[in-house]
Amino acid sequence: MKRAPRPIAFAVLAALSPLALDGCVSVGVSHSPAAEGAPNATTGVLEVIVFEKPQDADAFRPVGYPVLSEIFRENPGGESLVGRSMSAMWTLPELPAGRYRVSVTKRITEEGDIEPLRDPSGKTFDLAAGQKTTLRVVLKKVPTGWIVLGVIAAAALIYFTVDAASKGKLPPLPPLPPDFVVGVVLMTTPPGPGGPVPAAADVFPARGSVVAARRVTVNFLLATPLAPGDIDEEAVLALGTLSGSLPGAISYRPGEQLLRFTPARDFTPGETVTVTLDLEKLRAVGGRSGEGKVSTTFRVAR
């Protein structure tokens, strides 16, 4: 039986070896005493940190892109949503002691599109009064069987690399893909009295960030759901320092509570874009309008 050419063998092993590091979402839970004076006698602190891979968690390198995560409280009659964010690190400072569940299912791409995570996962955990509970979410954790296969492939790759190097026949390996990094900033607006009002909790692209894509859908994560019906097309204003007024379409995804602005044309490289959401033009469930405006300003890479 004829053996596969050495370059093909190297390519196969190089493709299999990352299985030791890549895979499905996992959530680790740890508990520690809360900072003095942070919670009262009946509440605790919850911290959520999202990492790409286990080695990123070990080095404490949170992801550089938005990930949608939600916290639900378990009640006798079912679950209730108590927190939602798309930041890599976020905190709920005063939660009543009880049983909760975290759900991490989607990320936002470089272009602002919503992309489901592969093998999304959730985890139920207990939060105690006077304690800080930390959830360390790893997006690419591999099942044990694949880890074993990846380790075997990595060991074989090392063996053949050393053997080939000793004979002067080491083939070039393919380059690694570049990382995409963009910041996410948490912004909060307190609800008004007499019922929920529209408020923005997060926004992507974040204020002060740099985007590489020529056309990016801007996502505002709302703190409260909007009333059903059409969204006022004048609720969002987009301006580019070189393009001027930027037309686009507004849409709302109630499942994620994301208000989205998709520009109708590409940005101009090198310009600064400001997108402003007028909360007074939005209505929450119950009919109340918001107050004030929320904006983000980002630069388009040349």
Protein backbone atom coordinates (compact mmCIF):
# COMPACT_ATOMS: atom_id res chain seq x y z
CA MET A 1 0.00 0.00 0.00
CA LYS A 2 1.44 3.34 -1.07
CA ARG A 3 1.99 5.85 1.71
CA ALA A 4 0.53 9.38 1.48
CA PRO A 5 3.06 12.05 0.49
CA ARG A 6 4.75 13.65 3.47
CA PRO A 7 3.30 17.17 2.85
CA ILE A 8 -0.24 15.70 2.89
CA ALA A 9 0.47 13.85 6.14
CA PHE A 10 1.74 17.08 7.69
CA ALA A 11 -1.40 18.92 6.56
CA VAL A 12 -3.73 16.27 8.03
CA LEU A 13 -1.91 16.20 11.37
CA ALA A 14 -1.80 20.00 11.52
CA ALA A 15 -5.57 20.07 10.95
CA LEU A 16 -6.26 17.48 13.66
CA SER A 17 -3.96 18.81 16.37
CA PRO A 18 -6.08 21.94 17.16
CA LEU A 19 -8.87 19.58 18.26
CA ALA A 20 -7.03 19.44 21.57
CA LEU A 21 -7.91 23.12 22.03
CA ASP A 22 -11.12 23.76 20.10
CA GLY A 23 -14.77 22.73 20.61
CA CYS A 24 -18.04 23.55 22.39
CA VAL A 25 -19.06 26.11 25.01
CA SER A 26 -18.40 25.32 28.67
CA VAL A 27 -19.07 27.27 31.89
CA GLY A 28 -17.04 27.12 35.09
CA VAL A 29 -18.46 28.43 38.38
CA SER A 30 -16.42 29.67 41.35
CA HIS A 31 -17.37 31.37 44.61
CA SER A 32 -15.49 33.85 46.79
CA PRO A 33 -16.34 36.33 49.56
CA ALA A 34 -17.79 39.55 48.15
CA ALA A 35 -15.97 42.82 48.67
CA GLU A 36 -16.78 44.44 52.00
CA GLY A 37 -19.95 46.49 51.75
CA ALA A 38 -20.81 45.31 48.22
CA PRO A 39 -23.93 43.20 48.87
CA ASN A 40 -26.32 43.40 51.79
CA ALA A 41 -27.47 40.48 53.95
CA THR A 42 -29.74 39.04 51.23
CA THR A 43 -27.84 39.68 47.98
CA GLY A 44 -24.69 38.52 46.23
CA VAL A 45 -22.53 39.65 43.32
CA LEU A 46 -22.44 37.90 39.94
CA GLU A 47 -19.54 38.31 37.51
CA VAL A 48 -19.51 36.93 33.94
CA ILE A 49 -16.25 36.63 31.95
CA VAL A 50 -16.12 35.16 28.43
CA PHE A 51 -12.96 33.58 26.96
CA GLU A 52 -12.26 32.09 23.54
CA LYS A 53 -10.25 29.03 24.61
CA PRO A 54 -9.03 27.39 27.84
CA GLN A 55 -5.54 28.85 27.46
CA ASP A 56 -7.10 32.33 27.20
CA ALA A 57 -8.89 31.73 30.50
CA ASP A 58 -5.60 30.63 32.10
CA ALA A 59 -3.92 33.83 30.88
CA PHE A 60 -7.05 35.93 31.59
CA ARG A 61 -7.58 37.18 28.04
CA PRO A 62 -11.33 37.79 27.55
CA VAL A 63 -12.72 37.72 24.01
CA GLY A 64 -12.42 40.86 21.90
CA TYR A 65 -15.83 40.59 20.22
CA PRO A 66 -19.42 40.82 21.51
CA VAL A 67 -21.04 37.67 22.90
CA LEU A 68 -24.70 37.61 23.92
CA SER A 69 -25.12 36.15 27.40
CA GLU A 70 -28.21 36.07 29.62
CA ILE A 71 -28.88 35.33 33.31
CA PHE A 72 -32.21 33.79 34.36
CA ARG A 73 -33.54 33.36 37.91
CA GLU A 74 -35.35 30.12 38.71
CA ASN A 75 -38.74 30.81 40.30
CA PRO A 76 -41.50 28.41 41.42
CA GLY A 77 -43.55 29.34 38.35
CA GLY A 78 -40.67 29.29 35.86
CA GLU A 79 -37.69 31.43 34.89
CA SER A 80 -37.36 35.21 34.72
CA LEU A 81 -34.65 37.18 32.90
CA VAL A 82 -32.57 39.29 35.30
CA GLY A 83 -29.58 40.31 33.16
CA ARG A 84 -28.39 40.44 29.57
CA SER A 85 -25.19 41.75 28.01
CA MET A 86 -22.92 41.39 25.00
CA SER A 87 -19.76 42.47 26.85
CA ALA A 88 -16.85 40.10 27.47
CA MET A 89 -16.89 41.10 31.16
CA TRP A 90 -19.94 42.29 33.05
CA THR A 91 -21.33 42.29 36.59
CA LEU A 92 -24.68 42.24 38.36
CA PRO A 93 -23.78 43.80 41.73
CA GLU A 94 -26.90 43.02 43.79
CA LEU A 95 -28.78 39.81 43.04
CA PRO A 96 -31.05 38.10 45.56
CA ALA A 97 -29.69 34.78 46.79
CA GLY A 98 -31.14 31.86 44.86
CA ARG A 99 -30.72 29.55 41.90
CA TYR A 100 -29.89 30.96 38.48
CA ARG A 101 -29.02 29.85 34.95
CA VAL A 102 -26.61 31.39 32.44
CA SER A 103 -27.19 31.05 28.70
CA VAL A 104 -24.54 31.91 26.08
CA THR A 105 -25.74 31.28 22.54
CA LYS A 106 -24.65 33.96 20.03
CA ARG A 107 -21.85 36.31 19.04
CA ILE A 108 -21.73 39.40 16.84
CA THR A 109 -19.40 39.24 13.86
CA GLU A 110 -17.06 41.89 12.49
CA GLU A 111 -19.84 43.03 10.14
CA GLY A 112 -22.38 43.29 12.98
CA ASP A 113 -24.25 40.12 12.02
CA ILE A 114 -25.63 37.76 14.69
CA GLU A 115 -23.98 34.33 14.52
CA PRO A 116 -25.05 31.30 16.62
CA LEU A 117 -22.26 29.71 18.62
CA ARG A 118 -21.35 26.13 17.84
CA ASP A 119 -22.75 23.76 20.48
CA PRO A 120 -24.08 26.55 22.76
CA SER A 121 -24.38 25.70 26.43
CA GLY A 122 -25.99 26.90 29.63
CA LYS A 123 -25.38 26.13 33.27
CA THR A 124 -27.41 26.30 36.45
CA PHE A 125 -25.72 27.63 39.58
CA ASP A 126 -26.45 28.88 43.10
CA LEU A 127 -25.76 32.42 44.27
CA ALA A 128 -25.43 32.96 48.02
CA ALA A 129 -25.81 36.16 50.01
CA GLY A 130 -22.51 37.83 50.85
CA GLN A 131 -20.66 35.91 48.12
CA LYS A 132 -19.28 36.74 44.70
CA THR A 133 -20.05 34.10 42.08
CA THR A 134 -17.86 34.16 38.97
CA LEU A 135 -18.87 32.46 35.72
CA ARG A 136 -15.92 31.74 33.42
CA VAL A 137 -17.38 30.97 30.00
CA VAL A 138 -15.08 29.22 27.52
CA LEU A 139 -16.46 29.25 23.98
CA LYS A 140 -14.26 26.49 22.55
CA LYS A 141 -13.84 23.60 24.96
CA VAL A 142 -13.43 20.17 23.40
CA PRO A 143 -15.13 16.88 24.41
CA THR A 144 -12.68 14.37 25.93
CA GLY A 145 -12.63 12.03 22.92
CA TRP A 146 -11.62 14.82 20.56
CA ILE A 147 -9.00 16.02 23.03
CA VAL A 148 -7.40 12.56 22.99
CA LEU A 149 -7.41 12.54 19.18
CA GLY A 150 -5.93 16.02 19.09
CA VAL A 151 -3.17 15.08 21.54
CA ILE A 152 -2.28 11.98 19.48
CA ALA A 153 -2.21 14.07 16.30
CA ALA A 154 -0.08 16.75 17.97
CA ALA A 155 2.38 14.13 19.24
CA ALA A 156 2.60 12.56 15.78
CA LEU A 157 3.11 15.97 14.24
CA ILE A 158 5.98 16.69 16.61
CA TYR A 159 7.56 13.29 15.86
CA PHE A 160 7.38 13.70 12.07
CA THR A 161 8.53 17.32 12.31
CA VAL A 162 11.65 16.32 14.22
CA ASP A 163 12.27 13.43 11.82
CA ALA A 164 11.81 15.64 8.76
CA ALA A 165 13.98 18.40 10.22
CA SER A 166 16.81 15.91 10.81
CA LYS A 167 16.65 14.96 7.12
CA GLY A 168 16.25 18.51 5.86
CA LYS A 169 12.76 17.82 4.47
CA LEU A 170 10.57 20.00 6.69
CA PRO A 171 7.57 21.27 4.65
CA PRO A 172 6.19 24.77 5.28
CA LEU A 173 3.09 24.93 7.49
CA PRO A 174 0.09 27.10 6.50
CA PRO A 175 -0.09 30.54 8.19
CA LEU A 176 -2.42 31.03 11.13
CA PRO A 177 -5.49 33.22 10.57
CA PRO A 178 -5.30 36.76 12.06
CA ASP A 179 -7.30 37.53 15.18
CA PHE A 180 -10.16 40.04 15.05
CA VAL A 181 -10.27 42.29 18.10
CA VAL A 182 -12.75 45.05 18.89
CA GLY A 183 -13.80 46.46 22.24
CA VAL A 184 -17.26 46.36 23.80
CA VAL A 185 -18.33 48.99 26.31
CA LEU A 186 -21.15 48.58 28.82
CA MET A 187 -23.56 51.51 29.05
CA THR A 188 -26.52 51.61 31.38
CA THR A 189 -29.55 53.88 31.72
CA PRO A 190 -31.75 53.57 34.83
CA PRO A 191 -35.46 52.86 34.19
CA GLY A 192 -37.91 55.64 34.93
CA PRO A 193 -40.67 55.47 37.54
CA GLY A 194 -44.07 54.06 36.65
CA GLY A 195 -42.97 51.22 34.41
CA PRO A 196 -40.18 50.21 32.04
CA VAL A 197 -38.82 52.70 29.55
CA PRO A 198 -36.57 52.00 26.53
CA ALA A 199 -32.89 52.12 27.53
CA ALA A 200 -29.67 50.91 25.92
CA ALA A 201 -27.39 48.55 27.86
CA ASP A 202 -24.68 47.80 25.26
CA VAL A 203 -23.73 48.92 21.79
CA PHE A 204 -21.59 47.51 19.00
CA PRO A 205 -19.32 48.86 17.57
CA ALA A 206 -18.20 50.36 20.84
CA ARG A 207 -17.37 54.02 21.32
CA GLY A 208 -13.77 54.68 20.24
CA SER A 209 -13.29 51.36 18.44
CA VAL A 210 -11.87 50.75 14.96
CA VAL A 211 -13.74 48.57 12.48
CA ALA A 212 -12.19 46.81 9.49
CA ALA A 213 -15.40 45.98 7.62
CA ARG A 214 -16.62 48.52 5.07
CA ARG A 215 -20.25 48.07 6.10
CA VAL A 216 -21.16 47.28 9.71
CA THR A 217 -24.60 46.74 11.22
CA VAL A 218 -24.78 48.74 14.46
CA ASN A 219 -26.43 46.80 17.32
CA PHE A 220 -28.00 48.47 20.36
CA LEU A 221 -28.77 45.98 23.14
CA LEU A 222 -31.90 47.25 24.90
CA ALA A 223 -32.50 46.82 28.62
CA THR A 224 -36.26 46.37 28.17
CA PRO A 225 -38.33 44.86 25.33
CA LEU A 226 -40.02 47.18 22.86
CA ALA A 227 -43.74 47.30 22.20
CA PRO A 228 -44.76 45.28 19.13
CA GLY A 229 -45.23 47.26 15.96
CA ASP A 230 -43.21 49.27 13.49
CA ILE A 231 -40.04 51.01 14.63
CA ASP A 232 -39.75 54.71 13.84
CA GLU A 233 -37.28 54.97 10.94
CA GLU A 234 -36.08 58.30 12.34
CA ALA A 235 -35.03 56.73 15.64
CA VAL A 236 -31.45 56.30 14.37
CA LEU A 237 -29.24 58.95 12.80
CA ALA A 238 -25.90 57.96 11.23
CA LEU A 239 -23.26 60.47 10.10
CA GLY A 240 -19.83 59.93 8.56
CA THR A 241 -17.14 62.60 8.58
CA LEU A 242 -16.49 61.89 4.88
CA SER A 243 -19.75 60.27 3.76
CA GLY A 244 -22.15 62.69 5.41
CA SER A 245 -25.61 61.38 6.24
CA LEU A 246 -25.76 57.57 6.02
CA PRO A 247 -29.16 56.09 5.09
CA GLY A 248 -30.08 52.64 6.29
CA ALA A 249 -32.73 50.28 7.59
CA ILE A 250 -33.80 49.78 11.22
CA SER A 251 -34.91 46.40 12.52
CA TYR A 252 -35.66 44.86 15.90
CA ARG A 253 -34.97 41.32 17.10
CA PRO A 254 -37.20 40.75 20.14
CA GLY A 255 -35.53 37.46 21.09
CA GLU A 256 -32.21 39.20 21.74
CA GLN A 257 -33.68 42.69 22.39
CA LEU A 258 -31.37 44.09 19.72
CA LEU A 259 -32.24 47.24 17.79
CA ARG A 260 -30.18 47.10 14.58
CA PHE A 261 -29.20 49.77 12.05
CA THR A 262 -27.92 48.42 8.72
CA PRO A 263 -26.40 51.11 6.50
CA ALA A 264 -27.47 51.17 2.85
CA ARG A 265 -23.94 51.82 1.54
CA ASP A 266 -20.33 51.23 2.52
CA PHE A 267 -18.40 53.52 4.83
CA THR A 268 -15.50 55.57 3.48
CA PRO A 269 -12.11 54.25 4.64
CA GLY A 270 -10.53 56.49 7.25
CA GLU A 271 -13.69 58.32 8.26
CA THR A 272 -15.29 58.52 11.70
CA VAL A 273 -18.89 57.36 11.98
CA THR A 274 -21.35 58.42 14.68
CA VAL A 275 -24.63 56.54 15.12
CA THR A 276 -27.20 58.00 17.51
CA LEU A 277 -30.31 56.27 18.87
CA ASP A 278 -33.15 58.58 19.94
CA LEU A 279 -34.81 56.78 22.86
CA GLU A 280 -37.76 59.17 22.75
CA LYS A 281 -38.80 57.57 19.45
CA LEU A 282 -39.02 54.09 21.00
CA ARG A 283 -41.86 52.63 23.07
CA ALA A 284 -41.42 49.89 25.66
CA VAL A 285 -43.99 47.21 26.39
CA GLY A 286 -46.62 49.19 28.29
CA GLY A 287 -46.39 52.21 25.98
CA ARG A 288 -43.81 54.41 27.70
CA SER A 289 -41.26 56.25 25.57
CA GLY A 290 -37.61 56.59 26.46
CA GLU A 291 -35.67 59.70 27.41
CA GLY A 292 -32.53 61.15 25.89
CA LYS A 293 -30.19 59.70 23.29
CA VAL A 294 -27.43 57.09 23.13
CA SER A 295 -24.64 57.25 20.58
CA THR A 296 -21.49 55.47 19.56
CA THR A 297 -18.58 56.82 17.51
CA PHE A 298 -16.09 54.55 15.76
CA ARG A 299 -13.42 54.86 13.07
CA VAL A 300 -13.28 52.94 9.81
CA ALA A 301 -9.86 51.49 9.06
CA ARG A 302 -8.07 52.61 5.90
